């Protein structure tokens, strides 16, 4: 699996509770926090659901 770096660039304030829970499951709780995750289908689905709040980069 490839590694993906995700960064929270927009605040989850005034977002649906479901999106807040998805960000928490990804391990992103503060704006500009970053995390490297494996590119599994489950994680890619979560990233897709909140992609408007994230910056996604592929790690070499």
PDB file of N, CA and C in Angstrom:
ATOM      1  N   UNK A   1       0.833  -1.188   0.000  1.00  0.00           N
ATOM      2  CA  UNK A   1       0.000   0.000   0.000  1.00  0.00           C
ATOM      3  C   UNK A   1       0.878   1.253   0.000  1.00  0.00           C
ATOM      4  N   UNK A   2       0.388   2.284  -0.645  1.00  0.00           N
ATOM      5  CA  UNK A   2       1.133   3.530  -0.680  1.00  0.00           C
ATOM      6  C   UNK A   2       0.765   4.405   0.518  1.00  0.00           C
ATOM      7  N   UNK A   3       1.684   5.245   0.911  1.00  0.00           N
ATOM      8  CA  UNK A   3       1.465   6.170   2.020  1.00  0.00           C
ATOM      9  C   UNK A   3       0.867   7.462   1.479  1.00  0.00           C
ATOM     10  N   UNK A   4      -0.051   8.048   2.247  1.00  0.00           N
ATOM     11  CA  UNK A   4      -0.694   9.295   1.871  1.00  0.00           C
ATOM     12  C   UNK A   4      -0.572  10.247   3.049  1.00  0.00           C
ATOM     13  N   UNK A   5      -0.179  11.492   2.769  1.00  0.00           N
ATOM     14  CA  UNK A   5      -0.121  12.519   3.812  1.00  0.00           C
ATOM     15  C   UNK A   5      -1.366  13.381   3.678  1.00  0.00           C
ATOM     16  N   UNK A   6      -2.141  13.465   4.757  1.00  0.00           N
ATOM     17  CA  UNK A   6      -3.354  14.286   4.749  1.00  0.00           C
ATOM     18  C   UNK A   6      -3.182  15.415   5.756  1.00  0.00           C
ATOM     19  N   UNK A   7      -3.636  16.609   5.375  1.00  0.00           N
ATOM     20  CA  UNK A   7      -3.539  17.788   6.223  1.00  0.00           C
ATOM     21  C   UNK A   7      -4.908  18.447   6.290  1.00  0.00           C
ATOM     22  N   UNK A   8      -5.365  18.751   7.498  1.00  0.00           N
ATOM     23  CA  UNK A   8      -6.644  19.437   7.687  1.00  0.00           C
ATOM     24  C   UNK A   8      -6.432  20.920   7.430  1.00  0.00           C
ATOM     25  N   UNK A   9      -7.037  21.474   6.384  1.00  0.00           N
ATOM     26  CA  UNK A   9      -6.819  22.871   6.018  1.00  0.00           C
ATOM     27  C   UNK A   9      -8.015  23.759   6.310  1.00  0.00           C
ATOM     28  N   UNK A  10      -9.183  23.173   6.524  1.00  0.00           N
ATOM     29  CA  UNK A  10     -10.370  23.959   6.861  1.00  0.00           C
ATOM     30  C   UNK A  10     -10.950  23.444   8.163  1.00  0.00           C
ATOM     31  N   UNK A  11     -11.575  24.340   8.892  1.00  0.00           N
ATOM     32  CA  UNK A  11     -12.125  24.005  10.202  1.00  0.00           C
ATOM     33  C   UNK A  11     -13.386  23.147  10.074  1.00  0.00           C
ATOM     34  N   UNK A  12     -13.546  22.164  10.960  1.00  0.00           N
ATOM     35  CA  UNK A  12     -14.766  21.352  10.946  1.00  0.00           C
ATOM     36  C   UNK A  12     -15.946  22.017  11.668  1.00  0.00           C
ATOM     37  N   UNK A  13     -15.774  23.257  12.122  1.00  0.00           N
ATOM     38  CA  UNK A  13     -16.878  23.967  12.782  1.00  0.00           C
ATOM     39  C   UNK A  13     -17.989  24.185  11.756  1.00  0.00           C
ATOM     40  N   UNK A  14     -19.220  24.033  12.178  1.00  0.00           N
ATOM     41  CA  UNK A  14     -20.418  24.170  11.331  1.00  0.00           C
ATOM     42  C   UNK A  14     -20.485  23.106  10.233  1.00  0.00           C
ATOM     43  N   UNK A  15     -19.884  21.958  10.476  1.00  0.00           N
ATOM     44  CA  UNK A  15     -19.985  20.815   9.569  1.00  0.00           C
ATOM     45  C   UNK A  15     -20.866  19.769  10.227  1.00  0.00           C
ATOM     46  N   UNK A  16     -21.456  18.874   9.452  1.00  0.00           N
ATOM     47  CA  UNK A  16     -22.268  17.803  10.043  1.00  0.00           C
ATOM     48  C   UNK A  16     -21.453  16.932  10.993  1.00  0.00           C
ATOM     49  N   UNK A  17     -22.097  16.386  11.988  1.00  0.00           N
ATOM     50  CA  UNK A  17     -21.435  15.556  12.996  1.00  0.00           C
ATOM     51  C   UNK A  17     -20.720  14.371  12.357  1.00  0.00           C
ATOM     52  N   UNK A  18     -21.284  13.832  11.296  1.00  0.00           N
ATOM     53  CA  UNK A  18     -20.681  12.689  10.608  1.00  0.00           C
ATOM     54  C   UNK A  18     -19.292  13.030  10.062  1.00  0.00           C
ATOM     55  N   UNK A  19     -19.147  14.246   9.515  1.00  0.00           N
ATOM     56  CA  UNK A  19     -17.850  14.665   8.990  1.00  0.00           C
ATOM     57  C   UNK A  19     -16.852  14.881  10.124  1.00  0.00           C
ATOM     58  N   UNK A  20     -17.305  15.411  11.242  1.00  0.00           N
ATOM     59  CA  UNK A  20     -16.430  15.593  12.408  1.00  0.00           C
ATOM     60  C   UNK A  20     -15.927  14.244  12.915  1.00  0.00           C
ATOM     61  N   UNK A  21     -16.799  13.242  12.934  1.00  0.00           N
ATOM     62  CA  UNK A  21     -16.410  11.911  13.386  1.00  0.00           C
ATOM     63  C   UNK A  21     -15.411  11.278  12.417  1.00  0.00           C
ATOM     64  N   UNK A  22     -15.579  11.527  11.128  1.00  0.00           N
ATOM     65  CA  UNK A  22     -14.655  10.999  10.133  1.00  0.00           C
ATOM     66  C   UNK A  22     -13.268  11.602  10.323  1.00  0.00           C
ATOM     67  N   UNK A  23     -13.200  12.908  10.570  1.00  0.00           N
ATOM     68  CA  UNK A  23     -11.908  13.551  10.810  1.00  0.00           C
ATOM     69  C   UNK A  23     -11.250  13.005  12.069  1.00  0.00           C
ATOM     70  N   UNK A  24     -12.052  12.754  13.096  1.00  0.00           N
ATOM     71  CA  UNK A  24     -11.518  12.194  14.336  1.00  0.00           C
ATOM     72  C   UNK A  24     -10.971  10.787  14.084  1.00  0.00           C
ATOM     73  N   UNK A  25     -11.662  10.004  13.268  1.00  0.00           N
ATOM     74  CA  UNK A  25     -11.217   8.652  12.949  1.00  0.00           C
ATOM     75  C   UNK A  25      -9.918   8.680  12.134  1.00  0.00           C
ATOM     76  N   UNK A  26      -9.723   9.715  11.333  1.00  0.00           N
ATOM     77  CA  UNK A  26      -8.491   9.862  10.568  1.00  0.00           C
ATOM     78  C   UNK A  26      -7.351  10.386  11.436  1.00  0.00           C
ATOM     79  N   UNK A  27      -7.669  10.872  12.635  1.00  0.00           N
ATOM     80  CA  UNK A  27      -6.646  11.370  13.546  1.00  0.00           C
ATOM     81  C   UNK A  27      -6.335  12.840  13.368  1.00  0.00           C
ATOM     82  N   UNK A  28      -7.253  13.577  12.742  1.00  0.00           N
ATOM     83  CA  UNK A  28      -7.063  15.013  12.524  1.00  0.00           C
ATOM     84  C   UNK A  28      -8.029  15.779  13.413  1.00  0.00           C
ATOM     85  N   UNK A  29      -7.488  16.535  14.370  1.00  0.00           N
ATOM     86  CA  UNK A  29      -8.390  17.241  15.270  1.00  0.00           C
ATOM     87  C   UNK A  29      -8.162  18.743  15.294  1.00  0.00           C
ATOM     88  N   UNK A  30      -7.021  19.232  14.830  1.00  0.00           N
ATOM     89  CA  UNK A  30      -6.770  20.667  14.792  1.00  0.00           C
ATOM     90  C   UNK A  30      -6.437  21.081  13.364  1.00  0.00           C
ATOM     91  N   UNK A  31      -6.777  22.313  13.015  1.00  0.00           N
ATOM     92  CA  UNK A  31      -6.460  22.834  11.698  1.00  0.00           C
ATOM     93  C   UNK A  31      -4.944  22.824  11.498  1.00  0.00           C
ATOM     94  N   UNK A  32      -4.524  22.484  10.315  1.00  0.00           N
ATOM     95  CA  UNK A  32      -3.120  22.355   9.910  1.00  0.00           C
ATOM     96  C   UNK A  32      -2.409  21.159  10.538  1.00  0.00           C
ATOM     97  N   UNK A  33      -3.148  20.247  11.162  1.00  0.00           N
ATOM     98  CA  UNK A  33      -2.526  19.018  11.645  1.00  0.00           C
ATOM     99  C   UNK A  33      -2.394  18.053  10.469  1.00  0.00           C
ATOM    100  N   UNK A  34      -1.311  17.274  10.477  1.00  0.00           N
ATOM    101  CA  UNK A  34      -1.031  16.340   9.386  1.00  0.00           C
ATOM    102  C   UNK A  34      -0.868  14.940   9.928  1.00  0.00           C
ATOM    103  N   UNK A  35      -1.076  13.973   9.035  1.00  0.00           N
ATOM    104  CA  UNK A  35      -0.918  12.580   9.407  1.00  0.00           C
ATOM    105  C   UNK A  35      -0.574  11.799   8.155  1.00  0.00           C
ATOM    106  N   UNK A  36       0.295  10.810   8.289  1.00  0.00           N
ATOM    107  CA  UNK A  36       0.588   9.900   7.188  1.00  0.00           C
ATOM    108  C   UNK A  36      -0.169   8.607   7.437  1.00  0.00           C
ATOM    109  N   UNK A  37      -0.940   8.184   6.451  1.00  0.00           N
ATOM    110  CA  UNK A  37      -1.758   6.983   6.581  1.00  0.00           C
ATOM    111  C   UNK A  37      -1.518   6.070   5.383  1.00  0.00           C
ATOM    112  N   UNK A  38      -1.846   4.797   5.559  1.00  0.00           N
ATOM    113  CA  UNK A  38      -1.783   3.833   4.459  1.00  0.00           C
ATOM    114  C   UNK A  38      -2.970   4.071   3.524  1.00  0.00           C
ATOM    115  N   UNK A  39      -2.774   3.838   2.252  1.00  0.00           N
ATOM    116  CA  UNK A  39      -3.828   4.062   1.264  1.00  0.00           C
ATOM    117  C   UNK A  39      -4.757   2.873   1.098  1.00  0.00           C
ATOM    118  N   UNK A  40      -5.371   2.415   2.194  1.00  0.00           N
ATOM    119  CA  UNK A  40      -6.314   1.300   2.112  1.00  0.00           C
ATOM    120  C   UNK A  40      -7.651   1.795   1.572  1.00  0.00           C
ATOM    121  N   UNK A  41      -8.494   0.910   1.068  1.00  0.00           N
ATOM    122  CA  UNK A  41      -9.802   1.336   0.566  1.00  0.00           C
ATOM    123  C   UNK A  41     -10.655   2.034   1.628  1.00  0.00           C
ATOM    124  N   UNK A  42     -10.551   1.598   2.879  1.00  0.00           N
ATOM    125  CA  UNK A  42     -11.333   2.210   3.954  1.00  0.00           C
ATOM    126  C   UNK A  42     -10.888   3.652   4.188  1.00  0.00           C
ATOM    127  N   UNK A  43      -9.590   3.862   4.242  1.00  0.00           N
ATOM    128  CA  UNK A  43      -9.059   5.203   4.479  1.00  0.00           C
ATOM    129  C   UNK A  43      -9.343   6.102   3.280  1.00  0.00           C
ATOM    130  N   UNK A  44      -9.204   5.581   2.070  1.00  0.00           N
ATOM    131  CA  UNK A  44      -9.488   6.376   0.875  1.00  0.00           C
ATOM    132  C   UNK A  44     -10.952   6.806   0.834  1.00  0.00           C
ATOM    133  N   UNK A  45     -11.855   5.960   1.304  1.00  0.00           N
ATOM    134  CA  UNK A  45     -13.265   6.321   1.377  1.00  0.00           C
ATOM    135  C   UNK A  45     -13.514   7.440   2.371  1.00  0.00           C
ATOM    136  N   UNK A  46     -12.835   7.378   3.525  1.00  0.00           N
ATOM    137  CA  UNK A  46     -12.979   8.443   4.525  1.00  0.00           C
ATOM    138  C   UNK A  46     -12.411   9.759   3.991  1.00  0.00           C
ATOM    139  N   UNK A  47     -11.280   9.684   3.301  1.00  0.00           N
ATOM    140  CA  UNK A  47     -10.679  10.886   2.723  1.00  0.00           C
ATOM    141  C   UNK A  47     -11.615  11.494   1.690  1.00  0.00           C
ATOM    142  N   UNK A  48     -12.250  10.651   0.891  1.00  0.00           N
ATOM    143  CA  UNK A  48     -13.185  11.142  -0.129  1.00  0.00           C
ATOM    144  C   UNK A  48     -14.371  11.889   0.498  1.00  0.00           C
ATOM    145  N   UNK A  49     -14.860  11.405   1.644  1.00  0.00           N
ATOM    146  CA  UNK A  49     -16.024  12.017   2.298  1.00  0.00           C
ATOM    147  C   UNK A  49     -15.733  13.425   2.812  1.00  0.00           C
ATOM    148  N   UNK A  50     -14.485  13.683   3.205  1.00  0.00           N
ATOM    149  CA  UNK A  50     -14.147  15.005   3.766  1.00  0.00           C
ATOM    150  C   UNK A  50     -13.051  15.684   2.941  1.00  0.00           C
ATOM    151  N   UNK A  51     -12.968  15.367   1.673  1.00  0.00           N
ATOM    152  CA  UNK A  51     -11.894  15.892   0.825  1.00  0.00           C
ATOM    153  C   UNK A  51     -11.934  17.411   0.697  1.00  0.00           C
ATOM    154  N   UNK A  52     -13.106  18.024   0.873  1.00  0.00           N
ATOM    155  CA  UNK A  52     -13.226  19.473   0.789  1.00  0.00           C
ATOM    156  C   UNK A  52     -12.575  20.174   1.983  1.00  0.00           C
ATOM    157  N   UNK A  53     -12.212  19.430   3.024  1.00  0.00           N
ATOM    158  CA  UNK A  53     -11.562  19.996   4.204  1.00  0.00           C
ATOM    159  C   UNK A  53     -10.067  19.665   4.252  1.00  0.00           C
ATOM    160  N   UNK A  54      -9.598  18.813   3.344  1.00  0.00           N
ATOM    161  CA  UNK A  54      -8.241  18.277   3.425  1.00  0.00           C
ATOM    162  C   UNK A  54      -7.373  18.686   2.246  1.00  0.00           C
ATOM    163  N   UNK A  55      -6.068  18.589   2.484  1.00  0.00           N
ATOM    164  CA  UNK A  55      -5.082  18.627   1.417  1.00  0.00           C
ATOM    165  C   UNK A  55      -4.436  17.259   1.418  1.00  0.00           C
ATOM    166  N   UNK A  56      -4.438  16.588   0.273  1.00  0.00           N
ATOM    167  CA  UNK A  56      -3.950  15.202   0.184  1.00  0.00           C
ATOM    168  C   UNK A  56      -2.713  15.169  -0.688  1.00  0.00           C
ATOM    169  N   UNK A  57      -1.639  14.534  -0.177  1.00  0.00           N
ATOM    170  CA  UNK A  57      -0.401  14.392  -0.931  1.00  0.00           C
ATOM    171  C   UNK A  57       0.064  12.946  -0.861  1.00  0.00           C
ATOM    172  N   UNK A  58       0.664  12.471  -1.929  1.00  0.00           N
ATOM    173  CA  UNK A  58       1.229  11.134  -1.939  1.00  0.00           C
ATOM    174  C   UNK A  58       2.677  11.207  -1.476  1.00  0.00           C
ATOM    175  N   UNK A  59       3.041  10.345  -0.540  1.00  0.00           N
ATOM    176  CA  UNK A  59       4.406  10.323  -0.010  1.00  0.00           C
ATOM    177  C   UNK A  59       5.209   9.301  -0.794  1.00  0.00           C
ATOM    178  N   UNK A  60       6.364   9.719  -1.256  1.00  0.00           N
ATOM    179  CA  UNK A  60       7.212   8.816  -2.047  1.00  0.00           C
ATOM    180  C   UNK A  60       7.941   7.811  -1.196  1.00  0.00           C
TER     181      UNK A  60
END
